[in-house]
C-alpha atoms as a PDB file:
ATOM      1  CA  UNK A   1      75.646 -11.245 -74.849  1.00  0.00           C
ATOM      2  CA  UNK A   2      75.079 -13.079 -71.791  1.00  0.00           C
ATOM      3  CA  UNK A   3      71.823 -14.498 -71.259  1.00  0.00           C
ATOM      4  CA  UNK A   4      70.161 -13.584 -68.047  1.00  0.00           C
ATOM      5  CA  UNK A   5      68.813 -16.396 -66.124  1.00  0.00           C
ATOM      6  CA  UNK A   6      65.264 -15.856 -64.934  1.00  0.00           C
ATOM      7  CA  UNK A   7      64.599 -16.122 -61.294  1.00  0.00           C
ATOM      8  CA  UNK A   8      61.459 -16.806 -59.535  1.00  0.00           C
ATOM      9  CA  UNK A   9      61.177 -13.125 -58.615  1.00  0.00           C
ATOM     10  CA  UNK A  10      61.397 -12.248 -62.296  1.00  0.00           C
ATOM     11  CA  UNK A  11      58.584 -14.665 -63.011  1.00  0.00           C
ATOM     12  CA  UNK A  12      56.442 -13.098 -60.311  1.00  0.00           C
ATOM     13  CA  UNK A  13      57.097  -9.603 -61.585  1.00  0.00           C
ATOM     14  CA  UNK A  14      56.090 -10.668 -65.047  1.00  0.00           C
ATOM     15  CA  UNK A  15      52.924 -12.211 -63.670  1.00  0.00           C
ATOM     16  CA  UNK A  16      51.823  -8.910 -62.114  1.00  0.00           C
ATOM     17  CA  UNK A  17      49.372  -7.192 -64.361  1.00  0.00           C
ATOM     18  CA  UNK A  18      50.063  -3.464 -64.227  1.00  0.00           C
ATOM     19  CA  UNK A  19      47.594  -2.568 -66.886  1.00  0.00           C
ATOM     20  CA  UNK A  20      45.536   0.575 -66.067  1.00  0.00           C
ATOM     21  CA  UNK A  21      42.282  -1.329 -66.565  1.00  0.00           C
ATOM     22  CA  UNK A  22      43.215  -3.940 -64.010  1.00  0.00           C
ATOM     23  CA  UNK A  23      44.525  -1.316 -61.549  1.00  0.00           C
ATOM     24  CA  UNK A  24      41.299   0.722 -61.879  1.00  0.00           C
ATOM     25  CA  UNK A  25      39.232  -2.401 -61.289  1.00  0.00           C
ATOM     26  CA  UNK A  26      41.242  -3.226 -58.156  1.00  0.00           C
ATOM     27  CA  UNK A  27      40.878   0.387 -56.974  1.00  0.00           C
ATOM     28  CA  UNK A  28      37.089   0.231 -57.483  1.00  0.00           C
ATOM     29  CA  UNK A  29      36.970  -3.069 -55.580  1.00  0.00           C
ATOM     30  CA  UNK A  30      38.953  -1.557 -52.687  1.00  0.00           C
ATOM     31  CA  UNK A  31      36.652   1.490 -52.623  1.00  0.00           C
ATOM     32  CA  UNK A  32      33.560  -0.746 -52.539  1.00  0.00           C
ATOM     33  CA  UNK A  33      35.102  -2.810 -49.738  1.00  0.00           C
ATOM     34  CA  UNK A  34      35.927   0.416 -47.846  1.00  0.00           C
ATOM     35  CA  UNK A  35      32.309   1.610 -48.187  1.00  0.00           C
ATOM     36  CA  UNK A  36      31.071  -1.782 -46.984  1.00  0.00           C
ATOM     37  CA  UNK A  37      33.440  -1.676 -44.000  1.00  0.00           C
ATOM     38  CA  UNK A  38      32.331   1.903 -43.196  1.00  0.00           C
ATOM     39  CA  UNK A  39      28.674   0.812 -43.334  1.00  0.00           C
ATOM     40  CA  UNK A  40      29.392  -2.182 -41.097  1.00  0.00           C
ATOM     41  CA  UNK A  41      31.282   0.079 -38.652  1.00  0.00           C
ATOM     42  CA  UNK A  42      28.366   2.543 -38.590  1.00  0.00           C
ATOM     43  CA  UNK A  43      25.921  -0.321 -37.972  1.00  0.00           C
ATOM     44  CA  UNK A  44      28.095  -1.670 -35.164  1.00  0.00           C
ATOM     45  CA  UNK A  45      28.453   1.848 -33.700  1.00  0.00           C
ATOM     46  CA  UNK A  46      24.658   2.181 -33.781  1.00  0.00           C
ATOM     47  CA  UNK A  47      24.246  -1.160 -32.019  1.00  0.00           C
ATOM     48  CA  UNK A  48      26.818  -0.172 -29.388  1.00  0.00           C
ATOM     49  CA  UNK A  49      25.029   3.170 -28.844  1.00  0.00           C
ATOM     50  CA  UNK A  50      21.681   1.366 -28.583  1.00  0.00           C
ATOM     51  CA  UNK A  51      23.051  -1.128 -26.041  1.00  0.00           C
ATOM     52  CA  UNK A  52      24.693   1.683 -24.069  1.00  0.00           C
ATOM     53  CA  UNK A  53      21.437   3.670 -24.005  1.00  0.00           C
ATOM     54  CA  UNK A  54      19.565   0.557 -22.878  1.00  0.00           C
ATOM     55  CA  UNK A  55      22.116  -0.035 -20.133  1.00  0.00           C
ATOM     56  CA  UNK A  56      21.845   3.592 -18.997  1.00  0.00           C
ATOM     57  CA  UNK A  57      18.022   3.330 -18.912  1.00  0.00           C
ATOM     58  CA  UNK A  58      18.251   0.106 -16.917  1.00  0.00           C
ATOM     59  CA  UNK A  59      20.689   1.724 -14.477  1.00  0.00           C
ATOM     60  CA  UNK A  60      18.417   4.775 -14.091  1.00  0.00           C
ATOM     61  CA  UNK A  61      15.409   2.479 -13.540  1.00  0.00           C
ATOM     62  CA  UNK A  62      17.368   0.567 -10.897  1.00  0.00           C
ATOM     63  CA  UNK A  63      18.411   3.789  -9.137  1.00  0.00           C
ATOM     64  CA  UNK A  64      14.818   5.077  -9.213  1.00  0.00           C
ATOM     65  CA  UNK A  65      13.561   1.765  -7.850  1.00  0.00           C
ATOM     66  CA  UNK A  66      16.187   1.838  -5.097  1.00  0.00           C
ATOM     67  CA  UNK A  67      15.179   5.395  -4.118  1.00  0.00           C
ATOM     68  CA  UNK A  68      11.501   4.431  -4.183  1.00  0.00           C
ATOM     69  CA  UNK A  69      12.173   1.404  -1.958  1.00  0.00           C
ATOM     70  CA  UNK A  70      14.165   3.581   0.472  1.00  0.00           C
ATOM     71  CA  UNK A  71      11.265   6.051   0.628  1.00  0.00           C
ATOM     72  CA  UNK A  72       8.752   3.233   1.131  1.00  0.00           C
ATOM     73  CA  UNK A  73      10.923   1.738   3.879  1.00  0.00           C
ATOM     74  CA  UNK A  74      11.239   5.126   5.610  1.00  0.00           C
ATOM     75  CA  UNK A  75       7.464   5.591   5.329  1.00  0.00           C
ATOM     76  CA  UNK A  76       6.850   2.126   6.783  1.00  0.00           C
ATOM     77  CA  UNK A  77       9.178   2.910   9.681  1.00  0.00           C
ATOM     78  CA  UNK A  78       7.443   6.256  10.248  1.00  0.00           C
ATOM     79  CA  UNK A  79       4.006   4.562  10.221  1.00  0.00           C
ATOM     80  CA  UNK A  80       5.231   1.948  12.716  1.00  0.00           C
ATOM     81  CA  UNK A  81       6.642   4.700  14.941  1.00  0.00           C
ATOM     82  CA  UNK A  82       3.374   6.635  14.569  1.00  0.00           C
ATOM     83  CA  UNK A  83       1.361   3.606  15.700  1.00  0.00           C
ATOM     84  CA  UNK A  84       3.518   3.293  18.811  1.00  0.00           C
ATOM     85  CA  UNK A  85       3.366   7.039  19.501  1.00  0.00           C
ATOM     86  CA  UNK A  86      -0.429   6.965  19.106  1.00  0.00           C
ATOM     87  CA  UNK A  87      -0.567   4.303  21.826  1.00  0.00           C
ATOM     88  CA  UNK A  88       1.424   6.602  24.100  1.00  0.00           C
ATOM     89  CA  UNK A  89      -0.882   9.499  23.154  1.00  0.00           C
ATOM     90  CA  UNK A  90      -3.872   7.355  24.152  1.00  0.00           C
ATOM     91  CA  UNK A  91      -2.206   6.738  27.521  1.00  0.00           C
ATOM     92  CA  UNK A  92      -1.654  10.478  27.951  1.00  0.00           C
ATOM     93  CA  UNK A  93      -5.365  11.014  27.199  1.00  0.00           C
ATOM     94  CA  UNK A  94      -6.263   8.440  29.858  1.00  0.00           C
ATOM     95  CA  UNK A  95      -4.007  10.127  32.407  1.00  0.00           C
ATOM     96  CA  UNK A  96      -5.516  13.536  31.521  1.00  0.00           C
ATOM     97  CA  UNK A  97      -9.014  12.183  32.143  1.00  0.00           C
ATOM     98  CA  UNK A  98      -7.912  10.593  35.409  1.00  0.00           C
ATOM     99  CA  UNK A  99      -6.291  13.824  36.582  1.00  0.00           C
ATOM    100  CA  UNK A 100      -9.377  15.866  35.602  1.00  0.00           C
ATOM    101  CA  UNK A 101     -11.610  13.686  37.771  1.00  0.00           C
ATOM    102  CA  UNK A 102      -9.582  13.524  40.979  1.00  0.00           C
ATOM    103  CA  UNK A 103     -11.849  13.720  44.014  1.00  0.00           C
ATOM    104  CA  UNK A 104     -11.205  16.910  46.000  1.00  0.00           C
ATOM    105  CA  UNK A 105     -10.253  14.988  49.154  1.00  0.00           C
ATOM    106  CA  UNK A 106      -7.580  12.975  47.227  1.00  0.00           C
ATOM    107  CA  UNK A 107      -5.968  15.871  45.294  1.00  0.00           C
ATOM    108  CA  UNK A 108      -3.016  16.200  47.696  1.00  0.00           C
ATOM    109  CA  UNK A 109      -2.312  12.470  48.059  1.00  0.00           C
ATOM    110  CA  UNK A 110       0.968  10.865  47.073  1.00  0.00           C
ATOM    111  CA  UNK A 111      -0.930   8.523  44.760  1.00  0.00           C
ATOM    112  CA  UNK A 112      -2.244  11.482  42.719  1.00  0.00           C
ATOM    113  CA  UNK A 113       1.247  13.008  42.656  1.00  0.00           C
ATOM    114  CA  UNK A 114       2.552   9.673  41.300  1.00  0.00           C
ATOM    115  CA  UNK A 115      -0.084   9.668  38.556  1.00  0.00           C
ATOM    116  CA  UNK A 116       0.835  13.284  37.669  1.00  0.00           C
ATOM    117  CA  UNK A 117       4.542  12.293  37.568  1.00  0.00           C
ATOM    118  CA  UNK A 118       3.781   9.448  35.142  1.00  0.00           C
ATOM    119  CA  UNK A 119       1.771  11.893  33.006  1.00  0.00           C
ATOM    120  CA  UNK A 120       4.772  14.289  32.908  1.00  0.00           C
ATOM    121  CA  UNK A 121       7.120  11.441  31.937  1.00  0.00           C
ATOM    122  CA  UNK A 122       4.841  10.393  29.092  1.00  0.00           C
ATOM    123  CA  UNK A 123       4.732  13.997  27.837  1.00  0.00           C
ATOM    124  CA  UNK A 124       8.548  14.155  28.046  1.00  0.00           C
ATOM    125  CA  UNK A 125       8.746  10.996  25.908  1.00  0.00           C
ATOM    126  CA  UNK A 126       6.379  12.520  23.350  1.00  0.00           C
ATOM    127  CA  UNK A 127       8.351  15.768  23.341  1.00  0.00           C
ATOM    128  CA  UNK A 128      11.619  13.870  22.775  1.00  0.00           C
ATOM    129  CA  UNK A 129      10.040  12.234  19.711  1.00  0.00           C
ATOM    130  CA  UNK A 130       9.053  15.619  18.261  1.00  0.00           C
ATOM    131  CA  UNK A 131       5.381  15.220  19.172  1.00  0.00           C
ATOM    132  CA  UNK A 132       3.564  18.461  19.964  1.00  0.00           C
ATOM    133  CA  UNK A 133      -0.104  19.194  20.692  1.00  0.00           C
ATOM    134  CA  UNK A 134      -2.119  21.018  18.050  1.00  0.00           C
ATOM    135  CA  UNK A 135      -3.384  24.380  19.229  1.00  0.00           C
ATOM    136  CA  UNK A 136      -7.077  24.498  18.376  1.00  0.00           C
ATOM    137  CA  UNK A 137      -9.207  26.638  20.702  1.00  0.00           C
ATOM    138  CA  UNK A 138      -9.941  30.083  19.294  1.00  0.00           C
ATOM    139  CA  UNK A 139      -8.440  29.231  15.924  1.00  0.00           C
ATOM    140  CA  UNK A 140     -10.202  28.946  12.599  1.00  0.00           C
ATOM    141  CA  UNK A 141     -11.233  25.407  11.711  1.00  0.00           C
ATOM    142  CA  UNK A 142      -8.595  23.721   9.531  1.00  0.00           C
ATOM    143  CA  UNK A 143      -9.661  20.341   8.088  1.00  0.00           C
ATOM    144  CA  UNK A 144      -6.021  19.219   7.999  1.00  0.00           C
ATOM    145  CA  UNK A 145      -5.517  19.830  11.731  1.00  0.00           C
ATOM    146  CA  UNK A 146      -9.038  19.451  13.070  1.00  0.00           C
ATOM    147  CA  UNK A 147     -11.798  16.878  12.946  1.00  0.00           C
ATOM    148  CA  UNK A 148     -15.140  18.684  13.356  1.00  0.00           C
ATOM    149  CA  UNK A 149     -17.365  16.567  15.574  1.00  0.00           C
ATOM    150  CA  UNK A 150     -20.028  19.189  16.279  1.00  0.00           C
ATOM    151  CA  UNK A 151     -21.399  22.537  15.191  1.00  0.00           C
ATOM    152  CA  UNK A 152     -21.970  24.651  18.298  1.00  0.00           C
ATOM    153  CA  UNK A 153     -24.824  27.170  18.198  1.00  0.00           C
ATOM    154  CA  UNK A 154     -25.202  30.363  20.203  1.00  0.00           C
ATOM    155  CA  UNK A 155     -21.568  30.927  21.105  1.00  0.00           C
ATOM    156  CA  UNK A 156     -21.349  34.426  19.701  1.00  0.00           C
ATOM    157  CA  UNK A 157     -18.057  33.422  18.075  1.00  0.00           C
ATOM    158  CA  UNK A 158     -17.470  33.784  14.329  1.00  0.00           C
ATOM    159  CA  UNK A 159     -18.579  30.917  12.142  1.00  0.00           C
ATOM    160  CA  UNK A 160     -15.775  28.367  11.738  1.00  0.00           C
ATOM    161  CA  UNK A 161     -13.946  29.215  14.971  1.00  0.00           C
ATOM    162  CA  UNK A 162     -12.988  26.252  17.159  1.00  0.00           C
ATOM    163  CA  UNK A 163     -14.818  26.705  20.473  1.00  0.00           C
ATOM    164  CA  UNK A 164     -14.564  23.234  22.027  1.00  0.00           C
ATOM    165  CA  UNK A 165     -11.688  20.756  22.080  1.00  0.00           C
ATOM    166  CA  UNK A 166     -13.091  17.256  22.605  1.00  0.00           C
ATOM    167  CA  UNK A 167      -9.849  15.324  22.064  1.00  0.00           C
ATOM    168  CA  UNK A 168      -6.401  16.820  21.718  1.00  0.00           C
ATOM    169  CA  UNK A 169      -4.604  16.373  18.424  1.00  0.00           C
ATOM    170  CA  UNK A 170      -0.876  16.019  17.876  1.00  0.00           C
ATOM    171  CA  UNK A 171       1.790  16.772  15.283  1.00  0.00           C
ATOM    172  CA  UNK A 172       5.023  14.873  14.717  1.00  0.00           C
ATOM    173  CA  UNK A 173       7.268  17.504  13.221  1.00  0.00           C
ATOM    174  CA  UNK A 174       5.036  19.034  10.557  1.00  0.00           C
ATOM    175  CA  UNK A 175       2.938  15.869  10.051  1.00  0.00           C
ATOM    176  CA  UNK A 176      -0.451  15.382  11.669  1.00  0.00           C
ATOM    177  CA  UNK A 177      -0.282  12.360  13.947  1.00  0.00           C
ATOM    178  CA  UNK A 178      -3.883  12.729  15.079  1.00  0.00           C
ATOM    179  CA  UNK A 179      -6.224  15.641  14.283  1.00  0.00           C
ATOM    180  CA  UNK A 180      -7.863  17.492  17.145  1.00  0.00           C
ATOM    181  CA  UNK A 181     -11.542  16.566  17.558  1.00  0.00           C
ATOM    182  CA  UNK A 182     -13.352  19.897  17.872  1.00  0.00           C
ATOM    183  CA  UNK A 183     -16.660  21.679  18.089  1.00  0.00           C
ATOM    184  CA  UNK A 184     -16.949  24.619  15.697  1.00  0.00           C
ATOM    185  CA  UNK A 185     -19.033  27.780  16.190  1.00  0.00           C
ATOM    186  CA  UNK A 186     -21.906  28.152  13.750  1.00  0.00           C
ATOM    187  CA  UNK A 187     -21.799  31.964  13.995  1.00  0.00           C
ATOM    188  CA  UNK A 188     -25.101  32.366  15.820  1.00  0.00           C
ATOM    189  CA  UNK A 189     -25.712  34.123  19.120  1.00  0.00           C
ATOM    190  CA  UNK A 190     -24.773  37.511  20.443  1.00  0.00           C
ATOM    191  CA  UNK A 191     -21.336  38.801  19.425  1.00  0.00           C
ATOM    192  CA  UNK A 192     -18.872  38.663  22.295  1.00  0.00           C
ATOM    193  CA  UNK A 193     -16.328  41.377  22.928  1.00  0.00           C
ATOM    194  CA  UNK A 194     -12.819  40.058  22.499  1.00  0.00           C
END
């Protein structure tokens, strides 16, 4: 019989322990390592989800802040425009008073016609900016639209009806630029036929 010469591979094969006890121990070790890896993966997944949720909250906060700043900027622009428009409204009031007090002998003069033309131009500017007068006379007092400066007795008009307009009010779109200063009937006096 020939004797087989042992190779290094044969030595390695012999060194491998294929006993069931050792294989079961290695299997248990692999299972424990698998559970540990699964737990680590779940922990990492939780951390990733937490970071993602935090990033999404930060992005939503940034978007909300951006919208809020845009709204504040638009409001600031509107307030600045309102201040300028109010100055024009004051000029219109001055022209109205001037036109109401024209001496009879000057009513047909070119100077008065020039003043009236300027008044019309100012009203055209206001109209182009969406500014409209608030209708007040004969309407029920509305604290949003009207500023009650006086209670007027003996008018025969129902209580709360606007009977005097002391200073015209204006709207810009649906916003009150300046409320109308009014006198309101107190409901006393003889009833008037409408």
